[in-house]
């Protein structure tokens, strides 16, 4: 098996629909893939104490986060027969309604792709050292709690 190295998963700002579409399109030549599973995390305009969330400012200890993502990636590749796995997470300010997390798994059969995608999202939310400060409409901030 080929040795995989840590990949940079971070994108400054929101993840654009063009980037997502291009990522999907690049897989059309890989004819051994029978199923893809995609998760898109979007910033919600939650209401907190009567104030609306207008954006989230994401920060990370990048070196630690990239190493942890590599460990998660290797564990999921060991558990599921995937052809491809891509994870992108925003850093910086992402407005409500914009995409901040893009997880994309591919395999010969849909079940492995969908199960692996779900496991990846849950592990990213639980284990990755990425923090979000919710920016409220009055420009105050508070740390986001992952749910």
C-alpha atoms as a PDB file:
ATOM      1  CA  UNK A   1       0.000   0.000   0.000  1.00  0.00           C
ATOM      2  CA  UNK A   2       1.245   3.473  -0.836  1.00  0.00           C
ATOM      3  CA  UNK A   3       2.398   5.662   2.035  1.00  0.00           C
ATOM      4  CA  UNK A   4       0.168   8.698   2.441  1.00  0.00           C
ATOM      5  CA  UNK A   5       1.427  11.963   3.876  1.00  0.00           C
ATOM      6  CA  UNK A   6      -0.566  14.658   5.706  1.00  0.00           C
ATOM      7  CA  UNK A   7      -2.504  16.901   3.334  1.00  0.00           C
ATOM      8  CA  UNK A   8      -3.400  20.528   3.844  1.00  0.00           C
ATOM      9  CA  UNK A   9      -7.157  20.604   4.398  1.00  0.00           C
ATOM     10  CA  UNK A  10      -7.494  24.313   5.138  1.00  0.00           C
ATOM     11  CA  UNK A  11      -9.037  26.929   2.855  1.00  0.00           C
ATOM     12  CA  UNK A  12      -9.171  30.624   3.756  1.00  0.00           C
ATOM     13  CA  UNK A  13     -12.778  31.773   3.948  1.00  0.00           C
ATOM     14  CA  UNK A  14     -15.828  29.982   2.619  1.00  0.00           C
ATOM     15  CA  UNK A  15     -15.576  26.926   0.358  1.00  0.00           C
ATOM     16  CA  UNK A  16     -17.056  27.949  -2.977  1.00  0.00           C
ATOM     17  CA  UNK A  17     -19.573  25.971  -4.983  1.00  0.00           C
ATOM     18  CA  UNK A  18     -17.167  26.187  -7.947  1.00  0.00           C
ATOM     19  CA  UNK A  19     -14.431  24.499  -5.881  1.00  0.00           C
ATOM     20  CA  UNK A  20     -16.875  21.741  -4.848  1.00  0.00           C
ATOM     21  CA  UNK A  21     -18.104  21.236  -8.427  1.00  0.00           C
ATOM     22  CA  UNK A  22     -14.538  21.123  -9.756  1.00  0.00           C
ATOM     23  CA  UNK A  23     -13.566  18.543  -7.117  1.00  0.00           C
ATOM     24  CA  UNK A  24     -16.470  16.328  -8.161  1.00  0.00           C
ATOM     25  CA  UNK A  25     -15.773  16.784 -11.881  1.00  0.00           C
ATOM     26  CA  UNK A  26     -12.126  15.705 -11.460  1.00  0.00           C
ATOM     27  CA  UNK A  27     -13.378  12.236 -10.494  1.00  0.00           C
ATOM     28  CA  UNK A  28     -15.244  11.578 -13.764  1.00  0.00           C
ATOM     29  CA  UNK A  29     -12.150   9.913 -15.257  1.00  0.00           C
ATOM     30  CA  UNK A  30     -11.863   7.457 -12.344  1.00  0.00           C
ATOM     31  CA  UNK A  31     -14.089   4.724 -13.737  1.00  0.00           C
ATOM     32  CA  UNK A  32     -13.484   2.304 -10.847  1.00  0.00           C
ATOM     33  CA  UNK A  33     -15.656   4.538  -8.628  1.00  0.00           C
ATOM     34  CA  UNK A  34     -19.319   3.531  -8.315  1.00  0.00           C
ATOM     35  CA  UNK A  35     -20.387   5.858  -5.507  1.00  0.00           C
ATOM     36  CA  UNK A  36     -19.544   9.189  -3.938  1.00  0.00           C
ATOM     37  CA  UNK A  37     -20.746  10.588  -0.664  1.00  0.00           C
ATOM     38  CA  UNK A  38     -20.538  14.280   0.099  1.00  0.00           C
ATOM     39  CA  UNK A  39     -21.132  16.232   3.289  1.00  0.00           C
ATOM     40  CA  UNK A  40     -21.305  20.016   3.211  1.00  0.00           C
ATOM     41  CA  UNK A  41     -21.242  21.872   6.515  1.00  0.00           C
ATOM     42  CA  UNK A  42     -22.893  25.281   6.342  1.00  0.00           C
ATOM     43  CA  UNK A  43     -22.766  28.120   8.857  1.00  0.00           C
ATOM     44  CA  UNK A  44     -26.189  28.495  10.497  1.00  0.00           C
ATOM     45  CA  UNK A  45     -27.708  31.837  11.452  1.00  0.00           C
ATOM     46  CA  UNK A  46     -28.526  30.600  14.964  1.00  0.00           C
ATOM     47  CA  UNK A  47     -30.087  32.955  17.457  1.00  0.00           C
ATOM     48  CA  UNK A  48     -28.233  33.348  20.751  1.00  0.00           C
ATOM     49  CA  UNK A  49     -29.827  35.399  23.505  1.00  0.00           C
ATOM     50  CA  UNK A  50     -31.894  37.270  20.922  1.00  0.00           C
ATOM     51  CA  UNK A  51     -28.943  37.991  18.595  1.00  0.00           C
ATOM     52  CA  UNK A  52     -28.416  36.333  15.231  1.00  0.00           C
ATOM     53  CA  UNK A  53     -25.131  34.654  14.270  1.00  0.00           C
ATOM     54  CA  UNK A  54     -23.891  36.400  11.117  1.00  0.00           C
ATOM     55  CA  UNK A  55     -20.599  34.518  10.687  1.00  0.00           C
ATOM     56  CA  UNK A  56     -18.099  32.192  12.321  1.00  0.00           C
ATOM     57  CA  UNK A  57     -14.381  32.972  12.560  1.00  0.00           C
ATOM     58  CA  UNK A  58     -12.490  29.638  12.395  1.00  0.00           C
ATOM     59  CA  UNK A  59      -9.019  29.217  13.854  1.00  0.00           C
ATOM     60  CA  UNK A  60      -6.815  26.167  14.307  1.00  0.00           C
ATOM     61  CA  UNK A  61      -3.496  25.040  15.596  1.00  0.00           C
ATOM     62  CA  UNK A  62      -2.719  23.997  12.037  1.00  0.00           C
ATOM     63  CA  UNK A  63       0.239  21.647  12.558  1.00  0.00           C
ATOM     64  CA  UNK A  64      -1.625  19.700  15.237  1.00  0.00           C
ATOM     65  CA  UNK A  65      -4.857  19.713  13.230  1.00  0.00           C
ATOM     66  CA  UNK A  66      -3.163  18.419  10.081  1.00  0.00           C
ATOM     67  CA  UNK A  67      -1.476  15.610  12.015  1.00  0.00           C
ATOM     68  CA  UNK A  68      -4.781  14.649  13.680  1.00  0.00           C
ATOM     69  CA  UNK A  69      -6.578  14.733  10.309  1.00  0.00           C
ATOM     70  CA  UNK A  70      -3.880  12.455   8.890  1.00  0.00           C
ATOM     71  CA  UNK A  71      -4.491   9.973  11.743  1.00  0.00           C
ATOM     72  CA  UNK A  72      -8.263  10.086  11.180  1.00  0.00           C
ATOM     73  CA  UNK A  73      -7.761   9.707   7.419  1.00  0.00           C
ATOM     74  CA  UNK A  74      -5.514   6.653   7.826  1.00  0.00           C
ATOM     75  CA  UNK A  75      -7.951   5.018  10.282  1.00  0.00           C
ATOM     76  CA  UNK A  76     -10.895   5.507   7.915  1.00  0.00           C
ATOM     77  CA  UNK A  77      -8.895   4.227   4.913  1.00  0.00           C
ATOM     78  CA  UNK A  78      -7.998   1.140   6.991  1.00  0.00           C
ATOM     79  CA  UNK A  79     -11.666   0.513   7.854  1.00  0.00           C
ATOM     80  CA  UNK A  80     -13.345   1.182   4.475  1.00  0.00           C
ATOM     81  CA  UNK A  81     -12.380   0.241   0.888  1.00  0.00           C
ATOM     82  CA  UNK A  82     -12.240   3.804  -0.403  1.00  0.00           C
ATOM     83  CA  UNK A  83     -10.871   4.981  -3.712  1.00  0.00           C
ATOM     84  CA  UNK A  84     -10.634   8.649  -2.676  1.00  0.00           C
ATOM     85  CA  UNK A  85     -11.115  10.829   0.384  1.00  0.00           C
ATOM     86  CA  UNK A  86     -11.034  14.616   0.443  1.00  0.00           C
ATOM     87  CA  UNK A  87     -11.581  16.925   3.410  1.00  0.00           C
ATOM     88  CA  UNK A  88     -11.551  20.723   3.314  1.00  0.00           C
ATOM     89  CA  UNK A  89     -12.220  23.004   6.292  1.00  0.00           C
ATOM     90  CA  UNK A  90     -12.448  26.777   6.317  1.00  0.00           C
ATOM     91  CA  UNK A  91     -10.224  29.063   8.331  1.00  0.00           C
ATOM     92  CA  UNK A  92     -11.046  32.707   8.848  1.00  0.00           C
ATOM     93  CA  UNK A  93     -14.452  34.321   8.568  1.00  0.00           C
ATOM     94  CA  UNK A  94     -17.331  32.409   6.973  1.00  0.00           C
ATOM     95  CA  UNK A  95     -20.730  34.110   6.725  1.00  0.00           C
ATOM     96  CA  UNK A  96     -24.031  32.454   7.636  1.00  0.00           C
ATOM     97  CA  UNK A  97     -25.227  30.425   4.648  1.00  0.00           C
ATOM     98  CA  UNK A  98     -21.734  29.719   3.345  1.00  0.00           C
ATOM     99  CA  UNK A  99     -19.958  26.343   3.306  1.00  0.00           C
ATOM    100  CA  UNK A 100     -17.234  25.753   5.934  1.00  0.00           C
ATOM    101  CA  UNK A 101     -16.681  21.971   5.670  1.00  0.00           C
ATOM    102  CA  UNK A 102     -16.521  19.756   2.571  1.00  0.00           C
ATOM    103  CA  UNK A 103     -16.051  16.000   3.043  1.00  0.00           C
ATOM    104  CA  UNK A 104     -15.998  13.843  -0.097  1.00  0.00           C
ATOM    105  CA  UNK A 105     -15.508  10.063  -0.152  1.00  0.00           C
ATOM    106  CA  UNK A 106     -15.512   7.704  -3.122  1.00  0.00           C
ATOM    107  CA  UNK A 107     -15.510   3.928  -3.470  1.00  0.00           C
ATOM    108  CA  UNK A 108     -16.453   1.154  -5.838  1.00  0.00           C
ATOM    109  CA  UNK A 109     -19.774   0.765  -3.982  1.00  0.00           C
ATOM    110  CA  UNK A 110     -21.994   3.374  -2.302  1.00  0.00           C
ATOM    111  CA  UNK A 111     -22.181   1.774   1.154  1.00  0.00           C
ATOM    112  CA  UNK A 112     -18.477   2.219   1.893  1.00  0.00           C
ATOM    113  CA  UNK A 113     -18.566   5.815   0.616  1.00  0.00           C
ATOM    114  CA  UNK A 114     -21.604   6.819   2.692  1.00  0.00           C
ATOM    115  CA  UNK A 115     -20.493   5.072   5.890  1.00  0.00           C
ATOM    116  CA  UNK A 116     -16.947   6.437   5.660  1.00  0.00           C
ATOM    117  CA  UNK A 117     -18.230   9.962   4.996  1.00  0.00           C
ATOM    118  CA  UNK A 118     -20.442   9.826   8.089  1.00  0.00           C
ATOM    119  CA  UNK A 119     -17.610   8.502  10.279  1.00  0.00           C
ATOM    120  CA  UNK A 120     -15.248  11.186   8.956  1.00  0.00           C
ATOM    121  CA  UNK A 121     -17.662  14.029   9.726  1.00  0.00           C
ATOM    122  CA  UNK A 122     -18.284  12.792  13.276  1.00  0.00           C
ATOM    123  CA  UNK A 123     -14.570  12.318  13.973  1.00  0.00           C
ATOM    124  CA  UNK A 124     -13.673  15.724  12.503  1.00  0.00           C
ATOM    125  CA  UNK A 125     -16.266  17.444  14.696  1.00  0.00           C
ATOM    126  CA  UNK A 126     -15.138  15.537  17.812  1.00  0.00           C
ATOM    127  CA  UNK A 127     -11.359  15.402  17.371  1.00  0.00           C
ATOM    128  CA  UNK A 128      -9.990  18.104  15.083  1.00  0.00           C
ATOM    129  CA  UNK A 129      -8.482  21.090  16.955  1.00  0.00           C
ATOM    130  CA  UNK A 130     -10.422  23.738  15.019  1.00  0.00           C
ATOM    131  CA  UNK A 131     -12.311  26.407  16.918  1.00  0.00           C
ATOM    132  CA  UNK A 132     -15.085  28.721  15.820  1.00  0.00           C
ATOM    133  CA  UNK A 133     -15.957  32.085  17.307  1.00  0.00           C
ATOM    134  CA  UNK A 134     -19.550  32.958  16.478  1.00  0.00           C
ATOM    135  CA  UNK A 135     -19.868  36.570  15.377  1.00  0.00           C
ATOM    136  CA  UNK A 136     -23.225  38.003  16.394  1.00  0.00           C
ATOM    137  CA  UNK A 137     -25.122  40.763  14.622  1.00  0.00           C
ATOM    138  CA  UNK A 138     -24.004  43.293  17.253  1.00  0.00           C
ATOM    139  CA  UNK A 139     -20.376  42.317  16.444  1.00  0.00           C
ATOM    140  CA  UNK A 140     -19.832  40.530  19.763  1.00  0.00           C
ATOM    141  CA  UNK A 141     -18.181  37.088  19.693  1.00  0.00           C
ATOM    142  CA  UNK A 142     -18.627  33.854  21.580  1.00  0.00           C
ATOM    143  CA  UNK A 143     -16.951  30.466  21.184  1.00  0.00           C
ATOM    144  CA  UNK A 144     -19.027  27.938  19.269  1.00  0.00           C
ATOM    145  CA  UNK A 145     -19.914  24.602  20.861  1.00  0.00           C
ATOM    146  CA  UNK A 146     -19.814  21.674  18.382  1.00  0.00           C
ATOM    147  CA  UNK A 147     -23.032  19.715  18.111  1.00  0.00           C
END
